[in-house]
Amino acid sequence: GATVGTLDEEAVFYLRSRGLSDKAARALLVDGFLREAIADDEGAA
């Protein structure tokens, strides 16, 4: 399977509604996205 897309703006809006800035919300989503590949904490660190 292969996909190419952009960040889910609804997810960004949800995080902003919980008090995060737009920059912080996008950074958190990107970090979580990359952690799908490198899931274990030691390896990611």
All heavy atoms as atom14 arrays in JSON, in Angstrom:
{
  "sequence": "GATVGTLDEEAVFYLRSRGLSDKAARALLVDGFLREAIADDEGAA",
  "atom14_mask": [
    [1, 1, 1, 1, 0, 0, 0, 0, 0, 0, 0, 0, 0, 0],
    [1, 1, 1, 1, 1, 0, 0, 0, 0, 0, 0, 0, 0, 0],
    [1, 1, 1, 1, 1, 1, 1, 0, 0, 0, 0, 0, 0, 0],
    [1, 1, 1, 1, 1, 1, 1, 0, 0, 0, 0, 0, 0, 0],
    [1, 1, 1, 1, 0, 0, 0, 0, 0, 0, 0, 0, 0, 0],
    [1, 1, 1, 1, 1, 1, 1, 0, 0, 0, 0, 0, 0, 0],
    [1, 1, 1, 1, 1, 1, 1, 1, 0, 0, 0, 0, 0, 0],
    [1, 1, 1, 1, 1, 1, 1, 1, 0, 0, 0, 0, 0, 0],
    [1, 1, 1, 1, 1, 1, 1, 1, 1, 0, 0, 0, 0, 0],
    [1, 1, 1, 1, 1, 1, 1, 1, 1, 0, 0, 0, 0, 0],
    [1, 1, 1, 1, 1, 0, 0, 0, 0, 0, 0, 0, 0, 0],
    [1, 1, 1, 1, 1, 1, 1, 0, 0, 0, 0, 0, 0, 0],
    [1, 1, 1, 1, 1, 1, 1, 1, 1, 1, 1, 0, 0, 0],
    [1, 1, 1, 1, 1, 1, 1, 1, 1, 1, 1, 1, 0, 0],
    [1, 1, 1, 1, 1, 1, 1, 1, 0, 0, 0, 0, 0, 0],
    [1, 1, 1, 1, 1, 1, 1, 1, 1, 1, 1, 0, 0, 0],
    [1, 1, 1, 1, 1, 1, 0, 0, 0, 0, 0, 0, 0, 0],
    [1, 1, 1, 1, 1, 1, 1, 1, 1, 1, 1, 0, 0, 0],
    [1, 1, 1, 1, 0, 0, 0, 0, 0, 0, 0, 0, 0, 0],
    [1, 1, 1, 1, 1, 1, 1, 1, 0, 0, 0, 0, 0, 0],
    [1, 1, 1, 1, 1, 1, 0, 0, 0, 0, 0, 0, 0, 0],
    [1, 1, 1, 1, 1, 1, 1, 1, 0, 0, 0, 0, 0, 0],
    [1, 1, 1, 1, 1, 1, 1, 1, 1, 0, 0, 0, 0, 0],
    [1, 1, 1, 1, 1, 0, 0, 0, 0, 0, 0, 0, 0, 0],
    [1, 1, 1, 1, 1, 0, 0, 0, 0, 0, 0, 0, 0, 0],
    [1, 1, 1, 1, 1, 1, 1, 1, 1, 1, 1, 0, 0, 0],
    [1, 1, 1, 1, 1, 0, 0, 0, 0, 0, 0, 0, 0, 0],
    [1, 1, 1, 1, 1, 1, 1, 1, 0, 0, 0, 0, 0, 0],
    [1, 1, 1, 1, 1, 1, 1, 1, 0, 0, 0, 0, 0, 0],
    [1, 1, 1, 1, 1, 1, 1, 0, 0, 0, 0, 0, 0, 0],
    [1, 1, 1, 1, 1, 1, 1, 1, 0, 0, 0, 0, 0, 0],
    [1, 1, 1, 1, 0, 0, 0, 0, 0, 0, 0, 0, 0, 0],
    [1, 1, 1, 1, 1, 1, 1, 1, 1, 1, 1, 0, 0, 0],
    [1, 1, 1, 1, 1, 1, 1, 1, 0, 0, 0, 0, 0, 0],
    [1, 1, 1, 1, 1, 1, 1, 1, 1, 1, 1, 0, 0, 0],
    [1, 1, 1, 1, 1, 1, 1, 1, 1, 0, 0, 0, 0, 0],
    [1, 1, 1, 1, 1, 0, 0, 0, 0, 0, 0, 0, 0, 0],
    [1, 1, 1, 1, 1, 1, 1, 1, 0, 0, 0, 0, 0, 0],
    [1, 1, 1, 1, 1, 0, 0, 0, 0, 0, 0, 0, 0, 0],
    [1, 1, 1, 1, 1, 1, 1, 1, 0, 0, 0, 0, 0, 0],
    [1, 1, 1, 1, 1, 1, 1, 1, 0, 0, 0, 0, 0, 0],
    [1, 1, 1, 1, 1, 1, 1, 1, 1, 0, 0, 0, 0, 0],
    [1, 1, 1, 1, 0, 0, 0, 0, 0, 0, 0, 0, 0, 0],
    [1, 1, 1, 1, 1, 0, 0, 0, 0, 0, 0, 0, 0, 0],
    [1, 1, 1, 1, 1, 0, 0, 0, 0, 0, 0, 0, 0, 0]
  ],
  "atom14_positions": [
    [[0.83, -1.19, 0.0], [0.0, 0.0, 0.0], [0.87, 1.24, 0.0], [1.93, 1.26, 0.61], [0.0, 0.0, 0.0], [0.0, 0.0, 0.0], [0.0, 0.0, 0.0], [0.0, 0.0, 0.0], [0.0, 0.0, 0.0], [0.0, 0.0, 0.0], [0.0, 0.0, 0.0], [0.0, 0.0, 0.0], [0.0, 0.0, 0.0], [0.0, 0.0, 0.0]],
    [[0.43, 2.29, -0.71], [1.19, 3.53, -0.78], [0.22, 4.7, -0.85], [-0.73, 4.68, -1.64], [2.1, 3.54, -2.01], [0.0, 0.0, 0.0], [0.0, 0.0, 0.0], [0.0, 0.0, 0.0], [0.0, 0.0, 0.0], [0.0, 0.0, 0.0], [0.0, 0.0, 0.0], [0.0, 0.0, 0.0], [0.0, 0.0, 0.0], [0.0, 0.0, 0.0]],
    [[0.45, 5.72, -0.03], [-0.37, 6.93, -0.04], [0.52, 8.16, 0.07], [1.59, 8.12, 0.68], [-1.39, 6.96, 1.11], [-0.71, 6.98, 2.36], [-2.32, 5.76, 1.06], [0.0, 0.0, 0.0], [0.0, 0.0, 0.0], [0.0, 0.0, 0.0], [0.0, 0.0, 0.0], [0.0, 0.0, 0.0], [0.0, 0.0, 0.0], [0.0, 0.0, 0.0]],
    [[0.06, 9.25, -0.54], [0.7, 10.56, -0.41], [-0.41, 11.57, -0.15], [-1.4, 11.61, -0.89], [1.47, 10.95, -1.69], [2.09, 12.34, -1.52], [2.55, 9.93, -2.0], [0.0, 0.0, 0.0], [0.0, 0.0, 0.0], [0.0, 0.0, 0.0], [0.0, 0.0, 0.0], [0.0, 0.0, 0.0], [0.0, 0.0, 0.0], [0.0, 0.0, 0.0]],
    [[-0.28, 12.36, 0.91], [-1.35, 13.3, 1.24], [-0.83, 14.43, 2.12], [0.37, 14.69, 2.2], [0.0, 0.0, 0.0], [0.0, 0.0, 0.0], [0.0, 0.0, 0.0], [0.0, 0.0, 0.0], [0.0, 0.0, 0.0], [0.0, 0.0, 0.0], [0.0, 0.0, 0.0], [0.0, 0.0, 0.0], [0.0, 0.0, 0.0], [0.0, 0.0, 0.0]],
    [[-1.76, 15.1, 2.79], [-1.42, 16.22, 3.67], [-1.98, 15.94, 5.06], [-2.73, 14.99, 5.27], [-2.01, 17.53, 3.14], [-3.44, 17.39, 3.04], [-1.44, 17.85, 1.76], [0.0, 0.0, 0.0], [0.0, 0.0, 0.0], [0.0, 0.0, 0.0], [0.0, 0.0, 0.0], [0.0, 0.0, 0.0], [0.0, 0.0, 0.0], [0.0, 0.0, 0.0]],
    [[-1.6, 16.78, 6.02], [-2.12, 16.63, 7.38], [-3.63, 16.81, 7.4], [-4.19, 17.61, 6.65], [-1.48, 17.67, 8.31], [-0.12, 17.35, 8.91], [0.34, 18.51, 9.77], [-0.14, 16.06, 9.71], [0.0, 0.0, 0.0], [0.0, 0.0, 0.0], [0.0, 0.0, 0.0], [0.0, 0.0, 0.0], [0.0, 0.0, 0.0], [0.0, 0.0, 0.0]],
    [[-4.26, 16.06, 8.27], [-5.7, 16.15, 8.47], [-6.01, 17.45, 9.2], [-5.67, 17.61, 10.39], [-6.18, 14.94, 9.28], [-7.69, 14.9, 9.45], [-8.36, 15.9, 9.15], [-8.19, 13.86, 9.91], [0.0, 0.0, 0.0], [0.0, 0.0, 0.0], [0.0, 0.0, 0.0], [0.0, 0.0, 0.0], [0.0, 0.0, 0.0], [0.0, 0.0, 0.0]],
    [[-6.64, 18.4, 8.51], [-6.93, 19.69, 9.12], [-7.93, 19.57, 10.27], [-7.91, 20.38, 11.2], [-7.44, 20.67, 8.06], [-6.4, 21.07, 7.03], [-5.18, 21.74, 7.67], [-5.34, 22.48, 8.65], [-4.06, 21.51, 7.16], [0.0, 0.0, 0.0], [0.0, 0.0, 0.0], [0.0, 0.0, 0.0], [0.0, 0.0, 0.0], [0.0, 0.0, 0.0]],
    [[-8.8, 18.58, 10.23], [-9.72, 18.38, 11.35], [-8.95, 17.98, 12.61], [-9.3, 18.41, 13.73], [-10.76, 17.32, 11.0], [-11.77, 17.77, 9.96], [-12.87, 16.75, 9.77], [-12.89, 15.74, 10.51], [-13.73, 16.97, 8.89], [0.0, 0.0, 0.0], [0.0, 0.0, 0.0], [0.0, 0.0, 0.0], [0.0, 0.0, 0.0], [0.0, 0.0, 0.0]],
    [[-7.91, 17.16, 12.44], [-7.09, 16.78, 13.58], [-6.33, 17.99, 14.13], [-6.19, 18.15, 15.35], [-6.12, 15.68, 13.19], [0.0, 0.0, 0.0], [0.0, 0.0, 0.0], [0.0, 0.0, 0.0], [0.0, 0.0, 0.0], [0.0, 0.0, 0.0], [0.0, 0.0, 0.0], [0.0, 0.0, 0.0], [0.0, 0.0, 0.0], [0.0, 0.0, 0.0]],
    [[-5.85, 18.85, 13.22], [-5.18, 20.07, 13.66], [-6.15, 20.95, 14.44], [-5.81, 21.48, 15.51], [-4.62, 20.84, 12.44], [-4.02, 22.18, 12.89], [-3.56, 20.01, 11.72], [0.0, 0.0, 0.0], [0.0, 0.0, 0.0], [0.0, 0.0, 0.0], [0.0, 0.0, 0.0], [0.0, 0.0, 0.0], [0.0, 0.0, 0.0], [0.0, 0.0, 0.0]],
    [[-7.36, 21.11, 13.92], [-8.38, 21.93, 14.6], [-8.7, 21.37, 15.98], [-8.84, 22.13, 16.95], [-9.65, 22.0, 13.73], [-10.77, 22.75, 14.39], [-10.8, 24.14, 14.38], [-11.8, 22.07, 15.04], [-11.82, 24.83, 15.0], [-12.83, 22.75, 15.66], [-12.84, 24.14, 15.64], [0.0, 0.0, 0.0], [0.0, 0.0, 0.0], [0.0, 0.0, 0.0]],
    [[-8.8, 20.05, 16.07], [-9.12, 19.43, 17.37], [-8.05, 19.75, 18.4], [-8.36, 20.12, 19.54], [-9.25, 17.92, 17.2], [-9.46, 17.19, 18.5], [-10.72, 17.1, 19.08], [-8.38, 16.6, 19.16], [-10.9, 16.44, 20.29], [-8.54, 15.94, 20.37], [-9.81, 15.86, 20.93], [-9.99, 15.22, 22.14], [0.0, 0.0, 0.0], [0.0, 0.0, 0.0]],
    [[-6.78, 19.6, 18.01], [-5.69, 19.89, 18.95], [-5.64, 21.37, 19.32], [-5.37, 21.73, 20.47], [-4.36, 19.44, 18.36], [-4.16, 17.93, 18.2], [-2.83, 17.63, 17.54], [-4.24, 17.23, 19.55], [0.0, 0.0, 0.0], [0.0, 0.0, 0.0], [0.0, 0.0, 0.0], [0.0, 0.0, 0.0], [0.0, 0.0, 0.0], [0.0, 0.0, 0.0]],
    [[-5.92, 22.23, 18.37], [-5.95, 23.66, 18.68], [-7.08, 23.99, 19.64], [-6.94, 24.86, 20.51], [-6.09, 24.48, 17.39], [-4.88, 24.4, 16.47], [-4.99, 25.35, 15.3], [-5.04, 26.74, 15.77], [-5.32, 27.77, 14.97], [-5.58, 27.58, 13.69], [-5.35, 29.0, 15.47], [0.0, 0.0, 0.0], [0.0, 0.0, 0.0], [0.0, 0.0, 0.0]],
    [[-8.19, 23.25, 19.49], [-9.32, 23.5, 20.4], [-9.0, 23.05, 21.82], [-9.71, 23.42, 22.76], [-10.57, 22.76, 19.89], [-10.45, 21.35, 20.07], [0.0, 0.0, 0.0], [0.0, 0.0, 0.0], [0.0, 0.0, 0.0], [0.0, 0.0, 0.0], [0.0, 0.0, 0.0], [0.0, 0.0, 0.0], [0.0, 0.0, 0.0], [0.0, 0.0, 0.0]],
    [[-7.94, 22.26, 21.98], [-7.52, 21.82, 23.31], [-6.37, 22.67, 23.85], [-5.71, 22.3, 24.81], [-7.09, 20.34, 23.27], [-8.24, 19.37, 22.93], [-9.35, 19.48, 23.99], [-10.4, 18.49, 23.8], [-11.49, 18.68, 23.07], [-11.66, 19.83, 22.41], [-12.42, 17.75, 22.98], [0.0, 0.0, 0.0], [0.0, 0.0, 0.0], [0.0, 0.0, 0.0]],
    [[-6.09, 23.78, 23.18], [-5.15, 24.74, 23.72], [-3.79, 24.8, 23.05], [-2.95, 25.62, 23.43], [0.0, 0.0, 0.0], [0.0, 0.0, 0.0], [0.0, 0.0, 0.0], [0.0, 0.0, 0.0], [0.0, 0.0, 0.0], [0.0, 0.0, 0.0], [0.0, 0.0, 0.0], [0.0, 0.0, 0.0], [0.0, 0.0, 0.0], [0.0, 0.0, 0.0]],
    [[-3.51, 23.92, 22.07], [-2.22, 23.95, 21.39], [-2.22, 25.02, 20.3], [-3.24, 25.31, 19.69], [-1.91, 22.6, 20.76], [-1.68, 21.42, 21.71], [-1.37, 20.17, 20.9], [-0.55, 21.7, 22.67], [0.0, 0.0, 0.0], [0.0, 0.0, 0.0], [0.0, 0.0, 0.0], [0.0, 0.0, 0.0], [0.0, 0.0, 0.0], [0.0, 0.0, 0.0]],
    [[-1.05, 25.6, 20.06], [-0.91, 26.51, 18.92], [-0.96, 25.73, 17.62], [-0.79, 24.49, 17.62], [0.41, 27.27, 19.02], [1.5, 26.37, 18.84], [0.0, 0.0, 0.0], [0.0, 0.0, 0.0], [0.0, 0.0, 0.0], [0.0, 0.0, 0.0], [0.0, 0.0, 0.0], [0.0, 0.0, 0.0], [0.0, 0.0, 0.0], [0.0, 0.0, 0.0]],
    [[-1.14, 26.42, 16.51], [-1.18, 25.74, 15.22], [0.14, 25.03, 14.95], [0.16, 23.88, 14.51], [-1.48, 26.76, 14.11], [-1.58, 26.1, 12.75], [-2.63, 25.5, 12.46], [-0.6, 26.17, 11.97], [0.0, 0.0, 0.0], [0.0, 0.0, 0.0], [0.0, 0.0, 0.0], [0.0, 0.0, 0.0], [0.0, 0.0, 0.0], [0.0, 0.0, 0.0]],
    [[1.26, 25.71, 15.27], [2.57, 25.1, 15.04], [2.77, 23.86, 15.89], [3.24, 22.82, 15.41], [3.66, 26.13, 15.33], [5.07, 25.61, 15.09], [6.1, 26.7, 15.37], [7.51, 26.18, 15.14], [8.53, 27.25, 15.41], [0.0, 0.0, 0.0], [0.0, 0.0, 0.0], [0.0, 0.0, 0.0], [0.0, 0.0, 0.0], [0.0, 0.0, 0.0]],
    [[2.38, 23.96, 17.18], [2.56, 22.82, 18.08], [1.67, 21.66, 17.68], [2.06, 20.49, 17.77], [2.28, 23.24, 19.52], [0.0, 0.0, 0.0], [0.0, 0.0, 0.0], [0.0, 0.0, 0.0], [0.0, 0.0, 0.0], [0.0, 0.0, 0.0], [0.0, 0.0, 0.0], [0.0, 0.0, 0.0], [0.0, 0.0, 0.0], [0.0, 0.0, 0.0]],
    [[0.44, 21.96, 17.25], [-0.48, 20.9, 16.84], [0.06, 20.14, 15.63], [0.04, 18.9, 15.6], [-1.85, 21.5, 16.52], [0.0, 0.0, 0.0], [0.0, 0.0, 0.0], [0.0, 0.0, 0.0], [0.0, 0.0, 0.0], [0.0, 0.0, 0.0], [0.0, 0.0, 0.0], [0.0, 0.0, 0.0], [0.0, 0.0, 0.0], [0.0, 0.0, 0.0]],
    [[0.57, 20.87, 14.65], [1.11, 20.22, 13.46], [2.36, 19.41, 13.78], [2.55, 18.3, 13.26], [1.4, 21.26, 12.37], [0.13, 21.93, 11.85], [0.41, 22.99, 10.79], [-0.83, 23.65, 10.42], [-1.7, 23.18, 9.51], [-1.41, 22.05, 8.88], [-2.8, 23.83, 9.25], [0.0, 0.0, 0.0], [0.0, 0.0, 0.0], [0.0, 0.0, 0.0]],
    [[3.21, 19.95, 14.64], [4.43, 19.22, 15.02], [4.08, 17.93, 15.74], [4.72, 16.89, 15.51], [5.31, 20.11, 15.9], [0.0, 0.0, 0.0], [0.0, 0.0, 0.0], [0.0, 0.0, 0.0], [0.0, 0.0, 0.0], [0.0, 0.0, 0.0], [0.0, 0.0, 0.0], [0.0, 0.0, 0.0], [0.0, 0.0, 0.0], [0.0, 0.0, 0.0]],
    [[3.08, 17.96, 16.62], [2.68, 16.76, 17.35], [2.14, 15.7, 16.41], [2.46, 14.51, 16.54], [1.62, 17.13, 18.4], [1.16, 15.99, 19.32], [2.33, 15.46, 20.15], [0.03, 16.47, 20.23], [0.0, 0.0, 0.0], [0.0, 0.0, 0.0], [0.0, 0.0, 0.0], [0.0, 0.0, 0.0], [0.0, 0.0, 0.0], [0.0, 0.0, 0.0]],
    [[1.34, 16.12, 15.43], [0.79, 15.16, 14.46], [1.89, 14.56, 13.59], [1.87, 13.37, 13.28], [-0.28, 15.84, 13.61], [-1.58, 16.19, 14.32], [-2.46, 17.06, 13.42], [-2.34, 14.94, 14.74], [0.0, 0.0, 0.0], [0.0, 0.0, 0.0], [0.0, 0.0, 0.0], [0.0, 0.0, 0.0], [0.0, 0.0, 0.0], [0.0, 0.0, 0.0]],
    [[2.85, 15.38, 13.19], [3.95, 14.87, 12.37], [4.8, 13.88, 13.15], [5.16, 12.81, 12.64], [4.82, 16.05, 11.86], [6.15, 15.53, 11.31], [4.08, 16.82, 10.78], [0.0, 0.0, 0.0], [0.0, 0.0, 0.0], [0.0, 0.0, 0.0], [0.0, 0.0, 0.0], [0.0, 0.0, 0.0], [0.0, 0.0, 0.0], [0.0, 0.0, 0.0]],
    [[5.1, 14.2, 14.42], [5.87, 13.28, 15.24], [5.16, 11.93, 15.39], [5.77, 10.87, 15.29], [6.13, 13.88, 16.62], [7.16, 14.99, 16.58], [7.83, 15.15, 15.54], [7.3, 15.71, 17.59], [0.0, 0.0, 0.0], [0.0, 0.0, 0.0], [0.0, 0.0, 0.0], [0.0, 0.0, 0.0], [0.0, 0.0, 0.0], [0.0, 0.0, 0.0]],
    [[3.86, 11.99, 15.65], [3.09, 10.75, 15.77], [3.06, 9.95, 14.49], [3.12, 8.72, 14.5], [0.0, 0.0, 0.0], [0.0, 0.0, 0.0], [0.0, 0.0, 0.0], [0.0, 0.0, 0.0], [0.0, 0.0, 0.0], [0.0, 0.0, 0.0], [0.0, 0.0, 0.0], [0.0, 0.0, 0.0], [0.0, 0.0, 0.0], [0.0, 0.0, 0.0]],
    [[2.98, 10.66, 13.37], [2.99, 10.01, 12.06], [4.3, 9.27, 11.83], [4.31, 8.1, 11.41], [2.78, 11.08, 10.99], [2.86, 10.59, 9.58], [1.83, 9.86, 9.01], [3.97, 10.85, 8.8], [1.91, 9.41, 7.69], [4.07, 10.42, 7.5], [3.02, 9.69, 6.95], [0.0, 0.0, 0.0], [0.0, 0.0, 0.0], [0.0, 0.0, 0.0]],
    [[5.44, 9.89, 12.14], [6.74, 9.25, 11.94], [6.95, 8.09, 12.91], [7.6, 7.1, 12.57], [7.86, 10.27, 12.08], [7.89, 11.37, 11.02], [8.99, 12.38, 11.33], [8.1, 10.78, 9.63], [0.0, 0.0, 0.0], [0.0, 0.0, 0.0], [0.0, 0.0, 0.0], [0.0, 0.0, 0.0], [0.0, 0.0, 0.0], [0.0, 0.0, 0.0]],
    [[6.36, 8.21, 14.1], [6.5, 7.13, 15.08], [5.75, 5.86, 14.64], [5.97, 4.78, 15.2], [6.02, 7.58, 16.45], [6.95, 8.51, 17.19], [8.27, 7.84, 17.56], [8.08, 6.68, 18.41], [8.02, 6.72, 19.74], [8.14, 7.88, 20.37], [7.86, 5.62, 20.44], [0.0, 0.0, 0.0], [0.0, 0.0, 0.0], [0.0, 0.0, 0.0]],
    [[4.88, 5.97, 13.65], [4.25, 4.76, 13.11], [5.29, 3.84, 12.48], [5.11, 2.62, 12.44], [3.2, 5.13, 12.05], [1.97, 5.83, 12.6], [0.99, 6.18, 11.51], [1.18, 5.74, 10.36], [0.02, 6.91, 11.8], [0.0, 0.0, 0.0], [0.0, 0.0, 0.0], [0.0, 0.0, 0.0], [0.0, 0.0, 0.0], [0.0, 0.0, 0.0]],
    [[6.39, 4.42, 12.0], [7.46, 3.61, 11.41], [8.45, 3.14, 12.47], [8.85, 1.98, 12.48], [8.19, 4.41, 10.33], [0.0, 0.0, 0.0], [0.0, 0.0, 0.0], [0.0, 0.0, 0.0], [0.0, 0.0, 0.0], [0.0, 0.0, 0.0], [0.0, 0.0, 0.0], [0.0, 0.0, 0.0], [0.0, 0.0, 0.0], [0.0, 0.0, 0.0]],
    [[8.87, 4.04, 13.36], [9.83, 3.71, 14.41], [9.07, 3.79, 15.72], [9.03, 4.83, 16.4], [11.03, 4.68, 14.43], [11.58, 4.88, 13.01], [12.11, 4.16, 15.37], [12.18, 3.66, 12.37], [0.0, 0.0, 0.0], [0.0, 0.0, 0.0], [0.0, 0.0, 0.0], [0.0, 0.0, 0.0], [0.0, 0.0, 0.0], [0.0, 0.0, 0.0]],
    [[8.45, 2.69, 16.11], [7.48, 2.73, 17.21], [8.12, 2.65, 18.59], [7.61, 3.25, 19.53], [6.46, 1.59, 17.05], [0.0, 0.0, 0.0], [0.0, 0.0, 0.0], [0.0, 0.0, 0.0], [0.0, 0.0, 0.0], [0.0, 0.0, 0.0], [0.0, 0.0, 0.0], [0.0, 0.0, 0.0], [0.0, 0.0, 0.0], [0.0, 0.0, 0.0]],
    [[9.21, 1.89, 18.73], [9.75, 1.69, 20.09], [10.48, 2.94, 20.56], [11.15, 3.64, 19.8], [10.68, 0.47, 20.14], [11.96, 0.69, 19.37], [11.91, 0.68, 18.11], [13.0, 0.9, 20.0], [0.0, 0.0, 0.0], [0.0, 0.0, 0.0], [0.0, 0.0, 0.0], [0.0, 0.0, 0.0], [0.0, 0.0, 0.0], [0.0, 0.0, 0.0]],
    [[10.35, 3.24, 21.85], [10.88, 4.47, 22.41], [12.4, 4.56, 22.29], [12.95, 5.62, 21.95], [10.47, 4.59, 23.89], [8.98, 4.79, 24.07], [8.34, 5.25, 23.09], [8.45, 4.49, 25.15], [0.0, 0.0, 0.0], [0.0, 0.0, 0.0], [0.0, 0.0, 0.0], [0.0, 0.0, 0.0], [0.0, 0.0, 0.0], [0.0, 0.0, 0.0]],
    [[13.09, 3.44, 22.57], [14.55, 3.47, 22.51], [15.03, 3.78, 21.09], [15.91, 4.61, 20.89], [15.12, 2.13, 22.98], [16.63, 2.11, 23.03], [17.25, 0.76, 22.71], [16.51, -0.22, 22.6], [18.47, 0.71, 22.57], [0.0, 0.0, 0.0], [0.0, 0.0, 0.0], [0.0, 0.0, 0.0], [0.0, 0.0, 0.0], [0.0, 0.0, 0.0]],
    [[14.45, 3.07, 20.13], [14.85, 3.29, 18.73], [14.55, 4.71, 18.28], [15.38, 5.35, 17.61], [0.0, 0.0, 0.0], [0.0, 0.0, 0.0], [0.0, 0.0, 0.0], [0.0, 0.0, 0.0], [0.0, 0.0, 0.0], [0.0, 0.0, 0.0], [0.0, 0.0, 0.0], [0.0, 0.0, 0.0], [0.0, 0.0, 0.0], [0.0, 0.0, 0.0]],
    [[13.38, 5.24, 18.63], [13.02, 6.59, 18.23], [13.96, 7.62, 18.85], [14.32, 8.62, 18.2], [11.57, 6.88, 18.64], [0.0, 0.0, 0.0], [0.0, 0.0, 0.0], [0.0, 0.0, 0.0], [0.0, 0.0, 0.0], [0.0, 0.0, 0.0], [0.0, 0.0, 0.0], [0.0, 0.0, 0.0], [0.0, 0.0, 0.0], [0.0, 0.0, 0.0]],
    [[14.37, 7.39, 20.11], [15.27, 8.32, 20.77], [16.67, 8.26, 20.15], [17.29, 9.3, 19.86], [15.36, 8.0, 22.25], [0.0, 0.0, 0.0], [0.0, 0.0, 0.0], [0.0, 0.0, 0.0], [0.0, 0.0, 0.0], [0.0, 0.0, 0.0], [0.0, 0.0, 0.0], [0.0, 0.0, 0.0], [0.0, 0.0, 0.0], [0.0, 0.0, 0.0]]
  ]
}
